[in-house]
PDB file of N, CA and C in Angstrom:
ATOM      1  N   MET A   1       0.848  -1.178   0.000  1.00  0.00           N
ATOM      2  CA  MET A   1       0.000   0.000   0.000  1.00  0.00           C
ATOM      3  C   MET A   1       0.895   1.243   0.000  1.00  0.00           C
ATOM      4  N   THR A   2       0.595   2.203  -0.833  1.00  0.00           N
ATOM      5  CA  THR A   2       1.386   3.432  -0.877  1.00  0.00           C
ATOM      6  C   THR A   2       0.895   4.375   0.202  1.00  0.00           C
ATOM      7  N   PRO A   3       1.751   5.299   0.667  1.00  0.00           N
ATOM      8  CA  PRO A   3       1.331   6.228   1.731  1.00  0.00           C
ATOM      9  C   PRO A   3       0.076   7.013   1.399  1.00  0.00           C
ATOM     10  N   SER A   4      -0.137   7.360   0.125  1.00  0.00           N
ATOM     11  CA  SER A   4      -1.314   8.143  -0.230  1.00  0.00           C
ATOM     12  C   SER A   4      -2.607   7.342  -0.080  1.00  0.00           C
ATOM     13  N   ASN A   5      -2.507   6.012  -0.071  1.00  0.00           N
ATOM     14  CA  ASN A   5      -3.689   5.169   0.086  1.00  0.00           C
ATOM     15  C   ASN A   5      -3.947   4.794   1.541  1.00  0.00           C
ATOM     16  N   ASN A   6      -3.033   5.132   2.438  1.00  0.00           N
ATOM     17  CA  ASN A   6      -3.173   4.774   3.845  1.00  0.00           C
ATOM     18  C   ASN A   6      -3.672   5.991   4.623  1.00  0.00           C
ATOM     19  N   PRO A   7      -4.938   5.983   5.045  1.00  0.00           N
ATOM     20  CA  PRO A   7      -5.479   7.168   5.735  1.00  0.00           C
ATOM     21  C   PRO A   7      -4.770   7.491   7.037  1.00  0.00           C
ATOM     22  N   GLN A   8      -4.204   6.491   7.721  1.00  0.00           N
ATOM     23  CA  GLN A   8      -3.517   6.769   8.982  1.00  0.00           C
ATOM     24  C   GLN A   8      -2.257   7.584   8.757  1.00  0.00           C
ATOM     25  N   GLU A   9      -1.567   7.370   7.650  1.00  0.00           N
ATOM     26  CA  GLU A   9      -0.336   8.098   7.388  1.00  0.00           C
ATOM     27  C   GLU A   9      -0.601   9.519   6.940  1.00  0.00           C
ATOM     28  N   SER A  10      -1.747   9.775   6.298  1.00  0.00           N
ATOM     29  CA  SER A  10      -2.029  11.117   5.812  1.00  0.00           C
ATOM     30  C   SER A  10      -2.700  11.989   6.866  1.00  0.00           C
ATOM     31  N   SER A  11      -3.246  11.381   7.922  1.00  0.00           N
ATOM     32  CA  SER A  11      -3.904  12.173   8.960  1.00  0.00           C
ATOM     33  C   SER A  11      -2.867  12.720   9.938  1.00  0.00           C
ATOM     34  N   PRO A  12      -3.143  13.891  10.520  1.00  0.00           N
ATOM     35  CA  PRO A  12      -2.202  14.468  11.487  1.00  0.00           C
ATOM     36  C   PRO A  12      -2.047  13.574  12.724  1.00  0.00           C
ATOM     37  N   LYS A  13      -0.874  13.579  13.290  1.00  0.00           N
ATOM     38  CA  LYS A  13      -0.608  12.760  14.469  1.00  0.00           C
ATOM     39  C   LYS A  13      -0.966  13.538  15.734  1.00  0.00           C
ATOM     40  N   LYS A  14      -1.495  12.821  16.724  1.00  0.00           N
ATOM     41  CA  LYS A  14      -1.838  13.447  18.004  1.00  0.00           C
ATOM     42  C   LYS A  14      -0.761  13.108  19.022  1.00  0.00           C
ATOM     43  N   TYR A  15      -0.321  14.101  19.750  1.00  0.00           N
ATOM     44  CA  TYR A  15       0.720  13.948  20.757  1.00  0.00           C
ATOM     45  C   TYR A  15       0.144  14.262  22.133  1.00  0.00           C
ATOM     46  N   PRO A  16       0.369  13.406  23.122  1.00  0.00           N
ATOM     47  CA  PRO A  16      -0.161  13.678  24.461  1.00  0.00           C
ATOM     48  C   PRO A  16       0.685  14.709  25.205  1.00  0.00           C
ATOM     49  N   VAL A  17       0.002  15.590  25.916  1.00  0.00           N
ATOM     50  CA  VAL A  17       0.643  16.561  26.800  1.00  0.00           C
ATOM     51  C   VAL A  17      -0.052  16.438  28.147  1.00  0.00           C
ATOM     52  N   LYS A  18       0.692  16.073  29.182  1.00  0.00           N
ATOM     53  CA  LYS A  18       0.106  15.892  30.502  1.00  0.00           C
ATOM     54  C   LYS A  18       0.205  17.199  31.294  1.00  0.00           C
ATOM     55  N   HIS A  19      -0.929  17.640  31.814  1.00  0.00           N
ATOM     56  CA  HIS A  19      -0.996  18.848  32.634  1.00  0.00           C
ATOM     57  C   HIS A  19      -1.227  18.429  34.080  1.00  0.00           C
ATOM     58  N   ILE A  20      -0.453  18.996  34.982  1.00  0.00           N
ATOM     59  CA  ILE A  20      -0.588  18.706  36.407  1.00  0.00           C
ATOM     60  C   ILE A  20      -0.757  20.023  37.152  1.00  0.00           C
ATOM     61  N   LEU A  21      -1.812  20.103  37.948  1.00  0.00           N
ATOM     62  CA  LEU A  21      -2.034  21.269  38.806  1.00  0.00           C
ATOM     63  C   LEU A  21      -1.859  20.828  40.242  1.00  0.00           C
ATOM     64  N   LYS A  22      -1.104  21.596  40.996  1.00  0.00           N
ATOM     65  CA  LYS A  22      -0.857  21.287  42.400  1.00  0.00           C
ATOM     66  C   LYS A  22      -0.935  22.586  43.177  1.00  0.00           C
ATOM     67  N   GLY A  23      -1.745  22.609  44.218  1.00  0.00           N
ATOM     68  CA  GLY A  23      -1.896  23.807  45.028  1.00  0.00           C
ATOM     69  C   GLY A  23      -3.132  23.704  45.904  1.00  0.00           C
ATOM     70  N   SER A  24      -3.615  24.860  46.330  1.00  0.00           N
ATOM     71  CA  SER A  24      -4.816  24.855  47.175  1.00  0.00           C
ATOM     72  C   SER A  24      -6.030  24.469  46.337  1.00  0.00           C
ATOM     73  N   ARG A  25      -7.046  23.924  46.996  1.00  0.00           N
ATOM     74  CA  ARG A  25      -8.278  23.534  46.308  1.00  0.00           C
ATOM     75  C   ARG A  25      -8.862  24.721  45.536  1.00  0.00           C
ATOM     76  N   LYS A  26      -8.898  25.872  46.159  1.00  0.00           N
ATOM     77  CA  LYS A  26      -9.488  27.058  45.539  1.00  0.00           C
ATOM     78  C   LYS A  26      -8.706  27.492  44.292  1.00  0.00           C
ATOM     79  N   ALA A  27      -7.382  27.470  44.378  1.00  0.00           N
ATOM     80  CA  ALA A  27      -6.557  27.876  43.238  1.00  0.00           C
ATOM     81  C   ALA A  27      -6.686  26.894  42.077  1.00  0.00           C
ATOM     82  N   ILE A  28      -6.734  25.607  42.381  1.00  0.00           N
ATOM     83  CA  ILE A  28      -6.875  24.601  41.328  1.00  0.00           C
ATOM     84  C   ILE A  28      -8.224  24.733  40.640  1.00  0.00           C
ATOM     85  N   ILE A  29      -9.288  24.854  41.404  1.00  0.00           N
ATOM     86  CA  ILE A  29     -10.630  24.987  40.820  1.00  0.00           C
ATOM     87  C   ILE A  29     -10.712  26.242  39.967  1.00  0.00           C
ATOM     88  N   ASN A  30     -10.128  27.327  40.432  1.00  0.00           N
ATOM     89  CA  ASN A  30     -10.110  28.568  39.646  1.00  0.00           C
ATOM     90  C   ASN A  30      -9.369  28.371  38.328  1.00  0.00           C
ATOM     91  N   THR A  31      -8.241  27.682  38.367  1.00  0.00           N
ATOM     92  CA  THR A  31      -7.453  27.443  37.158  1.00  0.00           C
ATOM     93  C   THR A  31      -8.201  26.546  36.180  1.00  0.00           C
ATOM     94  N   ILE A  32      -8.840  25.501  36.688  1.00  0.00           N
ATOM     95  CA  ILE A  32      -9.627  24.610  35.831  1.00  0.00           C
ATOM     96  C   ILE A  32     -10.740  25.380  35.138  1.00  0.00           C
ATOM     97  N   HIS A  33     -11.432  26.247  35.872  1.00  0.00           N
ATOM     98  CA  HIS A  33     -12.512  27.034  35.279  1.00  0.00           C
ATOM     99  C   HIS A  33     -11.971  28.042  34.266  1.00  0.00           C
ATOM    100  N   THR A  34     -10.816  28.609  34.531  1.00  0.00           N
ATOM    101  CA  THR A  34     -10.201  29.549  33.583  1.00  0.00           C
ATOM    102  C   THR A  34      -9.846  28.836  32.281  1.00  0.00           C
ATOM    103  N   LEU A  35      -9.257  27.648  32.374  1.00  0.00           N
ATOM    104  CA  LEU A  35      -8.910  26.884  31.173  1.00  0.00           C
ATOM    105  C   LEU A  35     -10.164  26.472  30.402  1.00  0.00           C
ATOM    106  N   TYR A  36     -11.255  26.219  31.118  1.00  0.00           N
ATOM    107  CA  TYR A  36     -12.533  25.920  30.470  1.00  0.00           C
ATOM    108  C   TYR A  36     -13.058  27.142  29.720  1.00  0.00           C
ATOM    109  N   LEU A  37     -13.017  28.311  30.374  1.00  0.00           N
ATOM    110  CA  LEU A  37     -13.499  29.540  29.737  1.00  0.00           C
ATOM    111  C   LEU A  37     -12.669  29.903  28.505  1.00  0.00           C
ATOM    112  N   LEU A  38     -11.401  29.529  28.515  1.00  0.00           N
ATOM    113  CA  LEU A  38     -10.526  29.758  27.358  1.00  0.00           C
ATOM    114  C   LEU A  38     -10.710  28.687  26.278  1.00  0.00           C
ATOM    115  N   ARG A  39     -11.641  27.736  26.533  1.00  0.00           N
ATOM    116  CA  ARG A  39     -11.949  26.638  25.622  1.00  0.00           C
ATOM    117  C   ARG A  39     -10.748  25.723  25.392  1.00  0.00           C
ATOM    118  N   TYR A  40      -9.918  25.593  26.414  1.00  0.00           N
ATOM    119  CA  TYR A  40      -8.752  24.722  26.309  1.00  0.00           C
ATOM    120  C   TYR A  40      -9.044  23.314  26.818  1.00  0.00           C
ATOM    121  N   ALA A  41      -9.806  23.212  27.910  1.00  0.00           N
ATOM    122  CA  ALA A  41     -10.061  21.897  28.501  1.00  0.00           C
ATOM    123  C   ALA A  41     -11.431  21.884  29.163  1.00  0.00           C
ATOM    124  N   GLU A  42     -12.115  20.767  29.019  1.00  0.00           N
ATOM    125  CA  GLU A  42     -13.393  20.581  29.697  1.00  0.00           C
ATOM    126  C   GLU A  42     -13.135  20.299  31.182  1.00  0.00           C
ATOM    127  N   ILE A  43     -14.037  20.718  32.019  1.00  0.00           N
ATOM    128  CA  ILE A  43     -13.886  20.528  33.456  1.00  0.00           C
ATOM    129  C   ILE A  43     -13.817  19.038  33.807  1.00  0.00           C
ATOM    130  N   LEU A  44     -14.607  18.220  33.147  1.00  0.00           N
ATOM    131  CA  LEU A  44     -14.641  16.787  33.455  1.00  0.00           C
ATOM    132  C   LEU A  44     -13.411  16.028  32.955  1.00  0.00           C
ATOM    133  N   GLU A  45     -12.538  16.668  32.185  1.00  0.00           N
ATOM    134  CA  GLU A  45     -11.317  16.009  31.716  1.00  0.00           C
ATOM    135  C   GLU A  45     -10.279  15.869  32.838  1.00  0.00           C
ATOM    136  N   TRP A  46     -10.419  16.665  33.888  1.00  0.00           N
ATOM    137  CA  TRP A  46      -9.458  16.646  35.001  1.00  0.00           C
ATOM    138  C   TRP A  46      -9.770  15.500  35.950  1.00  0.00           C
ATOM    139  N   SER A  47      -8.740  14.913  36.499  1.00  0.00           N
ATOM    140  CA  SER A  47      -8.938  13.868  37.500  1.00  0.00           C
ATOM    141  C   SER A  47      -9.487  14.505  38.783  1.00  0.00           C
ATOM    142  N   PRO A  48     -10.141  13.708  39.637  1.00  0.00           N
ATOM    143  CA  PRO A  48     -10.612  14.252  40.912  1.00  0.00           C
ATOM    144  C   PRO A  48      -9.439  14.783  41.750  1.00  0.00           C
ATOM    145  N   LEU A  49      -9.681  15.860  42.473  1.00  0.00           N
ATOM    146  CA  LEU A  49      -8.641  16.411  43.343  1.00  0.00           C
ATOM    147  C   LEU A  49      -8.271  15.391  44.411  1.00  0.00           C
ATOM    148  N   GLN A  50      -6.981  15.225  44.617  1.00  0.00           N
ATOM    149  CA  GLN A  50      -6.465  14.305  45.620  1.00  0.00           C
ATOM    150  C   GLN A  50      -5.524  15.061  46.552  1.00  0.00           C
ATOM    151  N   PRO A  51      -5.573  14.805  47.848  1.00  0.00           N
ATOM    152  CA  PRO A  51      -4.619  15.453  48.760  1.00  0.00           C
ATOM    153  C   PRO A  51      -3.210  14.927  48.485  1.00  0.00           C
ATOM    154  N   THR A  52      -2.216  15.802  48.638  1.00  0.00           N
ATOM    155  CA  THR A  52      -0.826  15.406  48.379  1.00  0.00           C
ATOM    156  C   THR A  52      -0.124  14.882  49.615  1.00  0.00           C
ATOM    157  N   GLY A  53      -0.707  15.092  50.782  1.00  0.00           N
ATOM    158  CA  GLY A  53      -0.034  14.751  52.035  1.00  0.00           C
ATOM    159  C   GLY A  53       0.484  15.993  52.736  1.00  0.00           C
ATOM    160  N   ILE A  54       0.545  17.096  52.001  1.00  0.00           N
ATOM    161  CA  ILE A  54       0.907  18.388  52.585  1.00  0.00           C
ATOM    162  C   ILE A  54      -0.408  19.086  52.939  1.00  0.00           C
ATOM    163  N   PRO A  55      -0.552  19.566  54.173  1.00  0.00           N
ATOM    164  CA  PRO A  55      -1.817  20.195  54.578  1.00  0.00           C
ATOM    165  C   PRO A  55      -2.248  21.316  53.623  1.00  0.00           C
ATOM    166  N   GLY A  56      -3.490  21.227  53.136  1.00  0.00           N
ATOM    167  CA  GLY A  56      -4.057  22.254  52.268  1.00  0.00           C
ATOM    168  C   GLY A  56      -3.641  22.158  50.809  1.00  0.00           C
ATOM    169  N   GLU A  57      -2.851  21.145  50.459  1.00  0.00           N
ATOM    170  CA  GLU A  57      -2.383  21.017  49.072  1.00  0.00           C
ATOM    171  C   GLU A  57      -3.057  19.829  48.391  1.00  0.00           C
ATOM    172  N   PHE A  58      -3.459  20.061  47.140  1.00  0.00           N
ATOM    173  CA  PHE A  58      -4.129  19.047  46.338  1.00  0.00           C
ATOM    174  C   PHE A  58      -3.454  18.946  44.982  1.00  0.00           C
ATOM    175  N   ILE A  59      -3.765  17.852  44.260  1.00  0.00           N
ATOM    176  CA  ILE A  59      -3.212  17.643  42.924  1.00  0.00           C
ATOM    177  C   ILE A  59      -4.293  17.098  42.019  1.00  0.00           C
ATOM    178  N   THR A  60      -4.242  17.468  40.750  1.00  0.00           N
ATOM    179  CA  THR A  60      -5.114  16.939  39.718  1.00  0.00           C
ATOM    180  C   THR A  60      -4.315  16.896  38.432  1.00  0.00           C
ATOM    181  N   MET A  61      -4.750  16.067  37.490  1.00  0.00           N
ATOM    182  CA  MET A  61      -4.052  16.019  36.199  1.00  0.00           C
ATOM    183  C   MET A  61      -5.012  15.759  35.067  1.00  0.00           C
ATOM    184  N   MET A  62      -4.526  16.067  33.874  1.00  0.00           N
ATOM    185  CA  MET A  62      -5.332  15.912  32.673  1.00  0.00           C
ATOM    186  C   MET A  62      -4.362  15.726  31.513  1.00  0.00           C
ATOM    187  N   THR A  63      -4.717  14.846  30.589  1.00  0.00           N
ATOM    188  CA  THR A  63      -3.904  14.667  29.394  1.00  0.00           C
ATOM    189  C   THR A  63      -4.649  15.262  28.210  1.00  0.00           C
ATOM    190  N   LYS A  64      -3.971  16.171  27.538  1.00  0.00           N
ATOM    191  CA  LYS A  64      -4.527  16.826  26.342  1.00  0.00           C
ATOM    192  C   LYS A  64      -3.786  16.260  25.142  1.00  0.00           C
ATOM    193  N   TYR A  65      -4.519  15.951  24.089  1.00  0.00           N
ATOM    194  CA  TYR A  65      -3.903  15.423  22.875  1.00  0.00           C
ATOM    195  C   TYR A  65      -3.849  16.532  21.834  1.00  0.00           C
ATOM    196  N   ILE A  66      -2.632  16.930  21.489  1.00  0.00           N
ATOM    197  CA  ILE A  66      -2.395  18.024  20.564  1.00  0.00           C
ATOM    198  C   ILE A  66      -2.175  17.439  19.171  1.00  0.00           C
ATOM    199  N   THR A  67      -2.903  17.953  18.198  1.00  0.00           N
ATOM    200  CA  THR A  67      -2.752  17.495  16.823  1.00  0.00           C
ATOM    201  C   THR A  67      -1.685  18.327  16.128  1.00  0.00           C
ATOM    202  N   LEU A  68      -0.688  17.633  15.613  1.00  0.00           N
ATOM    203  CA  LEU A  68       0.387  18.283  14.857  1.00  0.00           C
ATOM    204  C   LEU A  68       0.451  17.661  13.477  1.00  0.00           C
ATOM    205  N   GLY A  69       0.681  18.485  12.464  1.00  0.00           N
ATOM    206  CA  GLY A  69       0.739  17.991  11.086  1.00  0.00           C
ATOM    207  C   GLY A  69       1.983  17.232  10.759  1.00  0.00           C
TER     208      GLY A  69
END
C-alpha cells in the first residue's frame, strides 16, 4: 500500500501533553474554570482532586492530545 492510500499516514498525528495542577483547592478549581473559559479543557477532563499529604495542598491532572501535522 502506498502512503497516499493509507489514511492513517495522511492524517495528522496526536501527541499527548500531561498537565498537572498542584496547590490549594481554591486555586486549582479557579485554574480549571479559567482553562474551560478559554476553551482549552473541559472541566470533566481533570482527575478528581487528591490530597498530596501536605496540609491544604491538592493535585489533579489531565492529558490533552495536541494534533500536529
